[in-house]
Amino acid sequence: LLLKLEAGAGAGGAPSGLSAAAAPEAAAEPAVDSSQLKGIRAGFARAREAREAFKSGKPIPGKAAAAPQPAAGKPAAAPAAISVGEGRTERRVPVSSVRARVNQRLKDAQNTLALITTFQEADVTDSIKLSSKYNEVYKKANGTQLGLLSFFIKASAAGLMDIPAVNAVIDDAAGEIVYRDYVDISVPIATPRGPVSCTIRNCESLSIKEIEKALSTLMEKGRKDQLAVSDMCDASFNIVDSGAVGGMLGTNFINPPASAALGTNAVSKRAAVYGGKVAVRDMMYLSLTYDHRLVDGREAATFLGSVRDKLEDPSRIMLEC
């Protein structure tokens, strides 16, 4: 365009670069304002200046200097402490984009769901014994550990199929309840940036062996910080493990589109009645936080009772009954 505008004009006002046959059509075009031509020339001049500055390593005219970045492999400097009184300091750290997104989702869930929690107590002595007894043999045969988490996943999947409301979700936009015929359970997975919730799909049709394999795959991806978004979303049910850090009892938060979350807590030895006698047993408190708009107390208690019964008699988990 600039070349055409700067070309000399021929007879009749036609640019010299056009043939005589095209001159009448060119003459009919509206004239170009000289101020527009100056603006275009100025733009090209700025582009030339930027290109030359880039080649010579000088700052690009009109562009603010970029903030200095920490050298590769070196951690960013800790934020400076701010004095707020004698012997008292504070440090301000920017909220990361990931944390900001998590915070927003937590608040959205709290504002939308009617959260309530029901509790249950489970004797997990036999489940722990089974896991400990066969762990080494299982590891040699399958290459993965035999942990309690797979028992919880399998027991929860069976309970969710029996109590569909706990596995359902309210579609507020459509005004509908969505009942799922599949069970996708999210579980905590450790990563270099802290634990994240990852989803195991179709748990209702997986065996203990298949669940352990899926857990092993997610843990390996977590250690390598290679988890994809698809690994961490769209669970229909959540399992939250506060017992890993010694939590005895607590409520949970639900990560939509799930409508319920099972909390597993610390195992502690307590006196309990077993076989008609008082004995020291490995006991755990379970909690189920759920959307009370969808799940009522009877369904929540029934679900927790189902999970408890299978953990207390793990042969039922293996036999899927």
C-alpha atoms as a PDB file:
ATOM      1  CA  LEU A   1       0.000   0.000   0.000  1.00  0.00           C
ATOM      2  CA  LEU A   2       2.767   2.406   0.926  1.00  0.00           C
ATOM      3  CA  LEU A   3       4.563   1.731  -2.370  1.00  0.00           C
ATOM      4  CA  LYS A   4       1.418   2.564  -4.323  1.00  0.00           C
ATOM      5  CA  LEU A   5       0.834   5.725  -2.352  1.00  0.00           C
ATOM      6  CA  GLU A   6       4.417   6.918  -2.822  1.00  0.00           C
ATOM      7  CA  ALA A   7       4.514   6.133  -6.563  1.00  0.00           C
ATOM      8  CA  GLY A   8       4.503   9.170  -8.803  1.00  0.00           C
ATOM      9  CA  ALA A   9       1.205  10.171 -10.345  1.00  0.00           C
ATOM     10  CA  GLY A  10       0.842   9.952 -14.148  1.00  0.00           C
ATOM     11  CA  ALA A  11      -1.482  11.816 -16.497  1.00  0.00           C
ATOM     12  CA  GLY A  12      -5.044  12.110 -15.357  1.00  0.00           C
ATOM     13  CA  GLY A  13      -4.038  11.453 -11.783  1.00  0.00           C
ATOM     14  CA  ALA A  14      -3.323   7.731 -12.355  1.00  0.00           C
ATOM     15  CA  PRO A  15      -0.351   6.294 -10.470  1.00  0.00           C
ATOM     16  CA  SER A  16       2.569   5.606 -12.770  1.00  0.00           C
ATOM     17  CA  GLY A  17       2.630   1.957 -11.802  1.00  0.00           C
ATOM     18  CA  LEU A  18      -0.820   1.373 -13.400  1.00  0.00           C
ATOM     19  CA  SER A  19      -1.494   0.777 -17.074  1.00  0.00           C
ATOM     20  CA  ALA A  20      -3.363   3.354 -19.106  1.00  0.00           C
ATOM     21  CA  ALA A  21      -6.360   1.041 -19.343  1.00  0.00           C
ATOM     22  CA  ALA A  22      -6.658   0.930 -15.567  1.00  0.00           C
ATOM     23  CA  ALA A  23      -6.260   4.686 -15.126  1.00  0.00           C
ATOM     24  CA  PRO A  24      -9.977   5.617 -15.260  1.00  0.00           C
ATOM     25  CA  GLU A  25     -10.795   3.106 -12.503  1.00  0.00           C
ATOM     26  CA  ALA A  26      -7.902   4.324 -10.379  1.00  0.00           C
ATOM     27  CA  ALA A  27      -8.959   7.899 -10.850  1.00  0.00           C
ATOM     28  CA  ALA A  28     -12.396   7.017  -9.509  1.00  0.00           C
ATOM     29  CA  GLU A  29     -10.962   5.811  -6.194  1.00  0.00           C
ATOM     30  CA  PRO A  30     -11.202   8.300  -3.308  1.00  0.00           C
ATOM     31  CA  ALA A  31      -8.092  10.371  -2.661  1.00  0.00           C
ATOM     32  CA  VAL A  32      -5.897   9.438   0.292  1.00  0.00           C
ATOM     33  CA  ASP A  33      -5.639  11.988   3.074  1.00  0.00           C
ATOM     34  CA  SER A  34      -2.060  13.195   3.573  1.00  0.00           C
ATOM     35  CA  SER A  35      -2.415  12.748   7.365  1.00  0.00           C
ATOM     36  CA  GLN A  36      -3.094   9.038   6.792  1.00  0.00           C
ATOM     37  CA  LEU A  37       0.049   8.779   4.674  1.00  0.00           C
ATOM     38  CA  LYS A  38       2.111  10.425   7.424  1.00  0.00           C
ATOM     39  CA  GLY A  39       0.712   7.989  10.024  1.00  0.00           C
ATOM     40  CA  ILE A  40       1.616   4.969   7.896  1.00  0.00           C
ATOM     41  CA  ARG A  41       5.126   6.312   7.291  1.00  0.00           C
ATOM     42  CA  ALA A  42       5.568   6.930  11.038  1.00  0.00           C
ATOM     43  CA  GLY A  43       4.489   3.351  11.795  1.00  0.00           C
ATOM     44  CA  PHE A  44       7.047   1.944   9.359  1.00  0.00           C
ATOM     45  CA  ALA A  45       9.714   4.184  10.869  1.00  0.00           C
ATOM     46  CA  ARG A  46       8.980   2.878  14.384  1.00  0.00           C
ATOM     47  CA  ALA A  47       9.113  -0.697  13.095  1.00  0.00           C
ATOM     48  CA  ARG A  48      12.534  -0.033  11.526  1.00  0.00           C
ATOM     49  CA  GLU A  49      13.804   1.474  14.799  1.00  0.00           C
ATOM     50  CA  ALA A  50      12.574  -1.526  16.789  1.00  0.00           C
ATOM     51  CA  ARG A  51      14.175  -3.958  14.343  1.00  0.00           C
ATOM     52  CA  GLU A  52      17.542  -2.181  14.480  1.00  0.00           C
ATOM     53  CA  ALA A  53      17.414  -1.988  18.281  1.00  0.00           C
ATOM     54  CA  PHE A  54      16.661  -5.703  18.490  1.00  0.00           C
ATOM     55  CA  LYS A  55      19.612  -6.543  16.250  1.00  0.00           C
ATOM     56  CA  SER A  56      22.010  -4.413  18.276  1.00  0.00           C
ATOM     57  CA  GLY A  57      20.724  -5.669  21.639  1.00  0.00           C
ATOM     58  CA  LYS A  58      19.548  -2.232  22.731  1.00  0.00           C
ATOM     59  CA  PRO A  59      16.203  -1.588  24.495  1.00  0.00           C
ATOM     60  CA  ILE A  60      13.303  -1.349  22.071  1.00  0.00           C
ATOM     61  CA  PRO A  61      12.015   2.261  21.901  1.00  0.00           C
ATOM     62  CA  GLY A  62       8.687   2.760  23.666  1.00  0.00           C
ATOM     63  CA  LYS A  63       8.786  -0.621  25.431  1.00  0.00           C
ATOM     64  CA  ALA A  64       9.172  -0.861  29.188  1.00  0.00           C
ATOM     65  CA  ALA A  65      12.131  -2.886  30.377  1.00  0.00           C
ATOM     66  CA  ALA A  66      11.202  -6.379  31.532  1.00  0.00           C
ATOM     67  CA  ALA A  67      11.531  -7.184  35.213  1.00  0.00           C
ATOM     68  CA  PRO A  68      14.684  -9.169  35.980  1.00  0.00           C
ATOM     69  CA  GLN A  69      14.057 -12.917  36.234  1.00  0.00           C
ATOM     70  CA  PRO A  70      15.834 -15.226  38.651  1.00  0.00           C
ATOM     71  CA  ALA A  71      18.569 -17.362  37.115  1.00  0.00           C
ATOM     72  CA  ALA A  72      17.539 -20.815  35.948  1.00  0.00           C
ATOM     73  CA  GLY A  73      17.785 -23.428  38.670  1.00  0.00           C
ATOM     74  CA  LYS A  74      17.885 -20.833  41.469  1.00  0.00           C
ATOM     75  CA  PRO A  75      14.842 -20.293  43.719  1.00  0.00           C
ATOM     76  CA  ALA A  76      13.218 -16.887  43.730  1.00  0.00           C
ATOM     77  CA  ALA A  77      14.320 -14.615  46.533  1.00  0.00           C
ATOM     78  CA  ALA A  78      12.149 -14.743  49.649  1.00  0.00           C
ATOM     79  CA  PRO A  79       9.879 -11.713  50.074  1.00  0.00           C
ATOM     80  CA  ALA A  80      11.293  -9.033  52.301  1.00  0.00           C
ATOM     81  CA  ALA A  81       9.996  -8.852  55.853  1.00  0.00           C
ATOM     82  CA  ILE A  82       7.992  -5.733  56.682  1.00  0.00           C
ATOM     83  CA  SER A  83       8.162  -4.354  60.199  1.00  0.00           C
ATOM     84  CA  VAL A  84       4.759  -3.813  61.819  1.00  0.00           C
ATOM     85  CA  GLY A  85       6.036  -3.045  65.284  1.00  0.00           C
ATOM     86  CA  GLU A  86       8.931  -3.703  67.584  1.00  0.00           C
ATOM     87  CA  GLY A  87      10.100  -7.265  66.997  1.00  0.00           C
ATOM     88  CA  ARG A  88       7.122  -7.981  64.734  1.00  0.00           C
ATOM     89  CA  THR A  89       7.365  -8.527  60.963  1.00  0.00           C
ATOM     90  CA  GLU A  90       5.137  -9.677  58.137  1.00  0.00           C
ATOM     91  CA  ARG A  91       5.846 -11.049  54.661  1.00  0.00           C
ATOM     92  CA  ARG A  92       3.487 -10.718  51.715  1.00  0.00           C
ATOM     93  CA  VAL A  93       3.519 -13.432  49.033  1.00  0.00           C
ATOM     94  CA  PRO A  94       1.478 -13.232  45.804  1.00  0.00           C
ATOM     95  CA  VAL A  95      -1.294 -15.836  45.462  1.00  0.00           C
ATOM     96  CA  SER A  96      -0.411 -18.262  42.660  1.00  0.00           C
ATOM     97  CA  SER A  97      -2.823 -18.705  39.767  1.00  0.00           C
ATOM     98  CA  VAL A  98      -3.422 -22.331  40.789  1.00  0.00           C
ATOM     99  CA  ARG A  99      -4.232 -21.380  44.383  1.00  0.00           C
ATOM    100  CA  ALA A 100      -6.481 -18.552  43.204  1.00  0.00           C
ATOM    101  CA  ARG A 101      -8.431 -20.984  41.020  1.00  0.00           C
ATOM    102  CA  VAL A 102      -8.756 -23.500  43.849  1.00  0.00           C
ATOM    103  CA  ASN A 103      -9.934 -20.767  46.211  1.00  0.00           C
ATOM    104  CA  GLN A 104     -12.580 -19.660  43.739  1.00  0.00           C
ATOM    105  CA  ARG A 105     -13.890 -23.207  43.250  1.00  0.00           C
ATOM    106  CA  LEU A 106     -14.061 -23.774  47.003  1.00  0.00           C
ATOM    107  CA  LYS A 107     -16.045 -20.602  47.502  1.00  0.00           C
ATOM    108  CA  ASP A 108     -18.358 -21.402  44.583  1.00  0.00           C
ATOM    109  CA  ALA A 109     -19.059 -24.829  46.105  1.00  0.00           C
ATOM    110  CA  GLN A 110     -19.780 -23.306  49.513  1.00  0.00           C
ATOM    111  CA  ASN A 111     -22.134 -20.739  48.014  1.00  0.00           C
ATOM    112  CA  THR A 112     -24.032 -23.321  45.924  1.00  0.00           C
ATOM    113  CA  LEU A 113     -24.159 -26.577  47.888  1.00  0.00           C
ATOM    114  CA  ALA A 114     -26.048 -27.166  51.132  1.00  0.00           C
ATOM    115  CA  LEU A 115     -23.198 -28.881  52.970  1.00  0.00           C
ATOM    116  CA  ILE A 116     -23.822 -31.213  55.909  1.00  0.00           C
ATOM    117  CA  THR A 117     -21.730 -34.028  57.407  1.00  0.00           C
ATOM    118  CA  THR A 118     -22.620 -37.432  58.869  1.00  0.00           C
ATOM    119  CA  PHE A 119     -20.142 -39.539  60.855  1.00  0.00           C
ATOM    120  CA  GLN A 120     -19.508 -43.251  61.375  1.00  0.00           C
ATOM    121  CA  GLU A 121     -16.924 -45.409  63.159  1.00  0.00           C
ATOM    122  CA  ALA A 122     -15.255 -48.397  61.495  1.00  0.00           C
ATOM    123  CA  ASP A 123     -13.140 -51.227  62.853  1.00  0.00           C
ATOM    124  CA  VAL A 124     -10.425 -51.568  60.187  1.00  0.00           C
ATOM    125  CA  THR A 125      -8.360 -54.187  62.046  1.00  0.00           C
ATOM    126  CA  ASP A 126      -9.080 -56.998  59.568  1.00  0.00           C
ATOM    127  CA  SER A 127      -8.474 -54.756  56.540  1.00  0.00           C
ATOM    128  CA  ILE A 128      -5.075 -53.727  57.924  1.00  0.00           C
ATOM    129  CA  LYS A 129      -4.206 -57.346  58.695  1.00  0.00           C
ATOM    130  CA  LEU A 130      -5.143 -58.449  55.172  1.00  0.00           C
ATOM    131  CA  SER A 131      -3.102 -55.663  53.598  1.00  0.00           C
ATOM    132  CA  SER A 132      -0.073 -56.356  55.785  1.00  0.00           C
ATOM    133  CA  LYS A 133      -0.245 -60.132  55.382  1.00  0.00           C
ATOM    134  CA  TYR A 134      -0.318 -60.171  51.591  1.00  0.00           C
ATOM    135  CA  ASN A 135       1.508 -56.949  50.733  1.00  0.00           C
ATOM    136  CA  GLU A 136       4.863 -58.556  49.906  1.00  0.00           C
ATOM    137  CA  VAL A 137       3.317 -61.421  47.936  1.00  0.00           C
ATOM    138  CA  TYR A 138       1.062 -58.971  46.090  1.00  0.00           C
ATOM    139  CA  LYS A 139       3.986 -56.679  45.293  1.00  0.00           C
ATOM    140  CA  LYS A 140       6.026 -59.548  43.825  1.00  0.00           C
ATOM    141  CA  ALA A 141       3.095 -60.696  41.701  1.00  0.00           C
ATOM    142  CA  ASN A 142       1.866 -57.293  40.506  1.00  0.00           C
ATOM    143  CA  GLY A 143       4.669 -54.800  41.065  1.00  0.00           C
ATOM    144  CA  THR A 144       2.542 -52.472  43.221  1.00  0.00           C
ATOM    145  CA  GLN A 145       1.769 -52.109  46.924  1.00  0.00           C
ATOM    146  CA  LEU A 146      -1.464 -53.384  48.441  1.00  0.00           C
ATOM    147  CA  GLY A 147      -2.709 -50.418  50.449  1.00  0.00           C
ATOM    148  CA  LEU A 148      -5.863 -49.489  52.311  1.00  0.00           C
ATOM    149  CA  LEU A 149      -6.833 -46.792  49.832  1.00  0.00           C
ATOM    150  CA  SER A 150      -7.859 -49.355  47.205  1.00  0.00           C
ATOM    151  CA  PHE A 151     -10.148 -50.959  49.833  1.00  0.00           C
ATOM    152  CA  PHE A 152     -11.818 -47.600  50.455  1.00  0.00           C
ATOM    153  CA  ILE A 153     -12.247 -46.972  46.728  1.00  0.00           C
ATOM    154  CA  LYS A 154     -13.775 -50.391  46.110  1.00  0.00           C
ATOM    155  CA  ALA A 155     -16.054 -50.182  49.154  1.00  0.00           C
ATOM    156  CA  SER A 156     -17.177 -46.671  48.179  1.00  0.00           C
ATOM    157  CA  ALA A 157     -17.866 -47.683  44.572  1.00  0.00           C
ATOM    158  CA  ALA A 158     -20.109 -50.522  45.734  1.00  0.00           C
ATOM    159  CA  GLY A 159     -21.942 -48.206  48.130  1.00  0.00           C
ATOM    160  CA  LEU A 160     -22.439 -45.566  45.439  1.00  0.00           C
ATOM    161  CA  MET A 161     -24.013 -48.089  43.091  1.00  0.00           C
ATOM    162  CA  ASP A 162     -26.389 -49.120  45.903  1.00  0.00           C
ATOM    163  CA  ILE A 163     -27.248 -45.498  46.862  1.00  0.00           C
ATOM    164  CA  PRO A 164     -27.432 -43.626  43.494  1.00  0.00           C
ATOM    165  CA  ALA A 165     -28.257 -40.238  45.046  1.00  0.00           C
ATOM    166  CA  VAL A 166     -24.791 -39.997  46.641  1.00  0.00           C
ATOM    167  CA  ASN A 167     -23.269 -40.423  43.163  1.00  0.00           C
ATOM    168  CA  ALA A 168     -25.664 -37.973  41.484  1.00  0.00           C
ATOM    169  CA  VAL A 169     -25.428 -34.216  40.922  1.00  0.00           C
ATOM    170  CA  ILE A 170     -27.857 -31.325  40.539  1.00  0.00           C
ATOM    171  CA  ASP A 171     -27.582 -29.454  37.242  1.00  0.00           C
ATOM    172  CA  ASP A 172     -28.705 -26.046  38.516  1.00  0.00           C
ATOM    173  CA  ALA A 173     -28.707 -24.469  35.049  1.00  0.00           C
ATOM    174  CA  ALA A 174     -31.071 -27.096  33.623  1.00  0.00           C
ATOM    175  CA  GLY A 175     -33.031 -27.686  36.831  1.00  0.00           C
ATOM    176  CA  GLU A 176     -32.354 -31.435  36.646  1.00  0.00           C
ATOM    177  CA  ILE A 177     -30.812 -34.200  38.752  1.00  0.00           C
ATOM    178  CA  VAL A 178     -28.193 -36.215  36.871  1.00  0.00           C
ATOM    179  CA  TYR A 179     -27.952 -39.850  38.017  1.00  0.00           C
ATOM    180  CA  ARG A 180     -24.720 -41.486  36.870  1.00  0.00           C
ATOM    181  CA  ASP A 181     -24.353 -45.182  36.064  1.00  0.00           C
ATOM    182  CA  TYR A 182     -20.572 -44.948  36.507  1.00  0.00           C
ATOM    183  CA  VAL A 183     -18.347 -44.095  39.472  1.00  0.00           C
ATOM    184  CA  ASP A 184     -15.345 -41.765  39.044  1.00  0.00           C
ATOM    185  CA  ILE A 185     -13.577 -41.265  42.373  1.00  0.00           C
ATOM    186  CA  SER A 186     -10.982 -38.594  43.109  1.00  0.00           C
ATOM    187  CA  VAL A 187      -8.187 -39.415  45.577  1.00  0.00           C
ATOM    188  CA  PRO A 188      -5.245 -37.370  46.942  1.00  0.00           C
ATOM    189  CA  ILE A 189      -1.979 -37.812  45.008  1.00  0.00           C
ATOM    190  CA  ALA A 190       1.350 -36.325  46.136  1.00  0.00           C
ATOM    191  CA  THR A 191       3.244 -34.044  43.734  1.00  0.00           C
ATOM    192  CA  PRO A 192       6.303 -31.783  44.112  1.00  0.00           C
ATOM    193  CA  ARG A 193       3.884 -28.856  44.432  1.00  0.00           C
ATOM    194  CA  GLY A 194       1.757 -30.526  47.100  1.00  0.00           C
ATOM    195  CA  PRO A 195      -1.128 -33.029  47.062  1.00  0.00           C
ATOM    196  CA  VAL A 196      -3.756 -32.791  44.333  1.00  0.00           C
ATOM    197  CA  SER A 197      -6.992 -34.682  43.714  1.00  0.00           C
ATOM    198  CA  CYS A 198      -6.762 -37.137  40.821  1.00  0.00           C
ATOM    199  CA  THR A 199      -9.618 -39.160  39.357  1.00  0.00           C
ATOM    200  CA  ILE A 200      -9.861 -42.914  38.831  1.00  0.00           C
ATOM    201  CA  ARG A 201     -12.530 -43.670  36.232  1.00  0.00           C
ATOM    202  CA  ASN A 202     -15.154 -46.451  36.237  1.00  0.00           C
ATOM    203  CA  CYS A 203     -14.289 -47.695  39.732  1.00  0.00           C
ATOM    204  CA  GLU A 204     -17.478 -49.754  39.868  1.00  0.00           C
ATOM    205  CA  SER A 205     -16.071 -52.158  37.263  1.00  0.00           C
ATOM    206  CA  LEU A 206     -12.443 -52.270  38.505  1.00  0.00           C
ATOM    207  CA  SER A 207     -10.891 -54.982  40.659  1.00  0.00           C
ATOM    208  CA  ILE A 208      -8.547 -54.256  43.565  1.00  0.00           C
ATOM    209  CA  LYS A 209      -5.653 -55.113  41.263  1.00  0.00           C
ATOM    210  CA  GLU A 210      -6.836 -52.654  38.590  1.00  0.00           C
ATOM    211  CA  ILE A 211      -7.415 -49.921  41.180  1.00  0.00           C
ATOM    212  CA  GLU A 212      -3.912 -50.390  42.607  1.00  0.00           C
ATOM    213  CA  LYS A 213      -2.472 -50.194  39.082  1.00  0.00           C
ATOM    214  CA  ALA A 214      -4.371 -46.956  38.399  1.00  0.00           C
ATOM    215  CA  LEU A 215      -3.154 -45.515  41.718  1.00  0.00           C
ATOM    216  CA  SER A 216       0.430 -46.509  40.921  1.00  0.00           C
ATOM    217  CA  THR A 217       0.221 -44.813  37.515  1.00  0.00           C
ATOM    218  CA  LEU A 218      -1.136 -41.582  39.017  1.00  0.00           C
ATOM    219  CA  MET A 219       1.493 -41.591  41.778  1.00  0.00           C
ATOM    220  CA  GLU A 220       4.284 -42.029  39.245  1.00  0.00           C
ATOM    221  CA  LYS A 221       2.937 -39.168  37.125  1.00  0.00           C
ATOM    222  CA  GLY A 222       2.604 -37.080  40.276  1.00  0.00           C
ATOM    223  CA  ARG A 223       6.230 -37.693  41.297  1.00  0.00           C
ATOM    224  CA  LYS A 224       7.357 -36.617  37.832  1.00  0.00           C
ATOM    225  CA  ASP A 225       4.969 -33.634  37.845  1.00  0.00           C
ATOM    226  CA  GLN A 226       3.384 -34.938  34.638  1.00  0.00           C
ATOM    227  CA  LEU A 227      -0.283 -34.989  35.645  1.00  0.00           C
ATOM    228  CA  ALA A 228      -2.640 -33.727  32.948  1.00  0.00           C
ATOM    229  CA  VAL A 229      -5.833 -31.742  33.483  1.00  0.00           C
ATOM    230  CA  SER A 230      -7.825 -34.827  32.473  1.00  0.00           C
ATOM    231  CA  ASP A 231      -6.272 -36.682  35.439  1.00  0.00           C
ATOM    232  CA  MET A 232      -7.649 -34.156  37.910  1.00  0.00           C
ATOM    233  CA  CYS A 233     -11.201 -33.316  36.880  1.00  0.00           C
ATOM    234  CA  ASP A 234     -14.827 -34.473  36.685  1.00  0.00           C
ATOM    235  CA  ALA A 235     -14.973 -36.881  39.629  1.00  0.00           C
ATOM    236  CA  SER A 236     -18.436 -38.027  40.696  1.00  0.00           C
ATOM    237  CA  PHE A 237     -17.249 -38.694  44.269  1.00  0.00           C
ATOM    238  CA  ASN A 238     -14.339 -37.491  46.419  1.00  0.00           C
ATOM    239  CA  ILE A 239     -12.171 -39.273  48.988  1.00  0.00           C
ATOM    240  CA  VAL A 240     -10.282 -36.934  51.332  1.00  0.00           C
ATOM    241  CA  ASP A 241      -7.518 -38.383  53.518  1.00  0.00           C
ATOM    242  CA  SER A 242      -6.854 -36.205  56.558  1.00  0.00           C
ATOM    243  CA  GLY A 243      -5.685 -39.267  58.462  1.00  0.00           C
ATOM    244  CA  ALA A 244      -2.364 -39.187  56.610  1.00  0.00           C
ATOM    245  CA  VAL A 245      -1.362 -36.197  58.760  1.00  0.00           C
ATOM    246  CA  GLY A 246      -3.020 -37.463  61.948  1.00  0.00           C
ATOM    247  CA  GLY A 247      -6.471 -35.912  61.614  1.00  0.00           C
ATOM    248  CA  MET A 248      -8.906 -37.764  63.906  1.00  0.00           C
ATOM    249  CA  LEU A 249     -12.234 -36.245  62.877  1.00  0.00           C
ATOM    250  CA  GLY A 250     -13.358 -33.518  60.529  1.00  0.00           C
ATOM    251  CA  THR A 251     -15.663 -32.334  57.795  1.00  0.00           C
ATOM    252  CA  ASN A 252     -14.728 -32.146  54.131  1.00  0.00           C
ATOM    253  CA  PHE A 253     -15.154 -29.858  51.171  1.00  0.00           C
ATOM    254  CA  ILE A 254     -16.744 -31.125  47.982  1.00  0.00           C
ATOM    255  CA  ASN A 255     -15.119 -30.587  44.609  1.00  0.00           C
ATOM    256  CA  PRO A 256     -17.931 -30.271  41.990  1.00  0.00           C
ATOM    257  CA  PRO A 257     -19.277 -31.989  39.944  1.00  0.00           C
ATOM    258  CA  ALA A 258     -19.267 -34.400  42.895  1.00  0.00           C
ATOM    259  CA  SER A 259     -22.055 -34.104  45.461  1.00  0.00           C
ATOM    260  CA  ALA A 260     -20.365 -35.972  48.327  1.00  0.00           C
ATOM    261  CA  ALA A 261     -16.926 -36.549  49.834  1.00  0.00           C
ATOM    262  CA  LEU A 262     -15.778 -39.350  52.116  1.00  0.00           C
ATOM    263  CA  GLY A 263     -13.275 -38.371  54.794  1.00  0.00           C
ATOM    264  CA  THR A 264     -10.862 -41.017  56.050  1.00  0.00           C
ATOM    265  CA  ASN A 265      -9.130 -40.222  59.320  1.00  0.00           C
ATOM    266  CA  ALA A 266      -6.313 -41.494  61.492  1.00  0.00           C
ATOM    267  CA  VAL A 267      -6.332 -45.103  62.696  1.00  0.00           C
ATOM    268  CA  SER A 268      -6.014 -45.386  66.455  1.00  0.00           C
ATOM    269  CA  LYS A 269      -6.173 -48.312  68.851  1.00  0.00           C
ATOM    270  CA  ARG A 270      -9.278 -48.126  71.036  1.00  0.00           C
ATOM    271  CA  ALA A 271     -11.294 -50.472  73.171  1.00  0.00           C
ATOM    272  CA  ALA A 272     -14.177 -51.960  71.197  1.00  0.00           C
ATOM    273  CA  VAL A 273     -16.570 -54.858  71.482  1.00  0.00           C
ATOM    274  CA  TYR A 274     -15.476 -57.670  69.171  1.00  0.00           C
ATOM    275  CA  GLY A 275     -16.972 -61.157  69.262  1.00  0.00           C
ATOM    276  CA  GLY A 276     -18.872 -60.298  72.419  1.00  0.00           C
ATOM    277  CA  LYS A 277     -15.723 -59.239  74.256  1.00  0.00           C
ATOM    278  CA  VAL A 278     -13.918 -55.969  74.815  1.00  0.00           C
ATOM    279  CA  ALA A 279     -10.680 -55.910  72.825  1.00  0.00           C
ATOM    280  CA  VAL A 280      -8.143 -53.412  71.531  1.00  0.00           C
ATOM    281  CA  ARG A 281      -8.948 -52.784  67.872  1.00  0.00           C
ATOM    282  CA  ASP A 282      -7.755 -50.478  65.078  1.00  0.00           C
ATOM    283  CA  MET A 283     -10.546 -47.941  64.791  1.00  0.00           C
ATOM    284  CA  MET A 284     -11.162 -45.116  62.323  1.00  0.00           C
ATOM    285  CA  TYR A 285     -13.765 -42.380  62.168  1.00  0.00           C
ATOM    286  CA  LEU A 286     -15.374 -41.884  58.752  1.00  0.00           C
ATOM    287  CA  SER A 287     -17.185 -38.745  57.651  1.00  0.00           C
ATOM    288  CA  LEU A 288     -19.425 -38.087  54.675  1.00  0.00           C
ATOM    289  CA  THR A 289     -19.987 -34.483  53.643  1.00  0.00           C
ATOM    290  CA  TYR A 290     -22.770 -34.158  51.074  1.00  0.00           C
ATOM    291  CA  ASP A 291     -25.144 -31.786  49.308  1.00  0.00           C
ATOM    292  CA  HIS A 292     -28.261 -31.936  51.461  1.00  0.00           C
ATOM    293  CA  ARG A 293     -30.356 -30.627  48.577  1.00  0.00           C
ATOM    294  CA  LEU A 294     -29.840 -34.019  46.937  1.00  0.00           C
ATOM    295  CA  VAL A 295     -28.852 -36.517  49.632  1.00  0.00           C
ATOM    296  CA  ASP A 296     -30.850 -36.917  52.835  1.00  0.00           C
ATOM    297  CA  GLY A 297     -29.583 -38.160  56.159  1.00  0.00           C
ATOM    298  CA  ARG A 298     -30.959 -41.673  55.720  1.00  0.00           C
ATOM    299  CA  GLU A 299     -29.112 -42.171  52.443  1.00  0.00           C
ATOM    300  CA  ALA A 300     -25.899 -40.769  53.901  1.00  0.00           C
ATOM    301  CA  ALA A 301     -26.060 -43.046  56.945  1.00  0.00           C
ATOM    302  CA  THR A 302     -26.878 -46.062  54.758  1.00  0.00           C
ATOM    303  CA  PHE A 303     -23.935 -45.357  52.499  1.00  0.00           C
ATOM    304  CA  LEU A 304     -21.526 -44.969  55.426  1.00  0.00           C
ATOM    305  CA  GLY A 305     -22.862 -48.179  56.967  1.00  0.00           C
ATOM    306  CA  SER A 306     -22.192 -50.010  53.689  1.00  0.00           C
ATOM    307  CA  VAL A 307     -18.604 -48.743  53.564  1.00  0.00           C
ATOM    308  CA  ARG A 308     -18.059 -49.603  57.240  1.00  0.00           C
ATOM    309  CA  ASP A 309     -19.365 -53.169  56.842  1.00  0.00           C
ATOM    310  CA  LYS A 310     -17.024 -53.866  53.905  1.00  0.00           C
ATOM    311  CA  LEU A 311     -13.993 -52.444  55.703  1.00  0.00           C
ATOM    312  CA  GLU A 312     -14.734 -54.498  58.810  1.00  0.00           C
ATOM    313  CA  ASP A 313     -15.036 -57.660  56.701  1.00  0.00           C
ATOM    314  CA  PRO A 314     -12.720 -57.115  53.693  1.00  0.00           C
ATOM    315  CA  SER A 315     -13.634 -60.509  52.213  1.00  0.00           C
ATOM    316  CA  ARG A 316     -16.863 -58.812  51.120  1.00  0.00           C
ATOM    317  CA  ILE A 317     -14.788 -56.352  49.095  1.00  0.00           C
ATOM    318  CA  MET A 318     -12.998 -59.191  47.319  1.00  0.00           C
ATOM    319  CA  LEU A 319     -16.237 -61.101  46.743  1.00  0.00           C
ATOM    320  CA  GLU A 320     -18.067 -57.872  45.761  1.00  0.00           C
ATOM    321  CA  CYS A 321     -21.029 -58.548  48.025  1.00  0.00           C
END
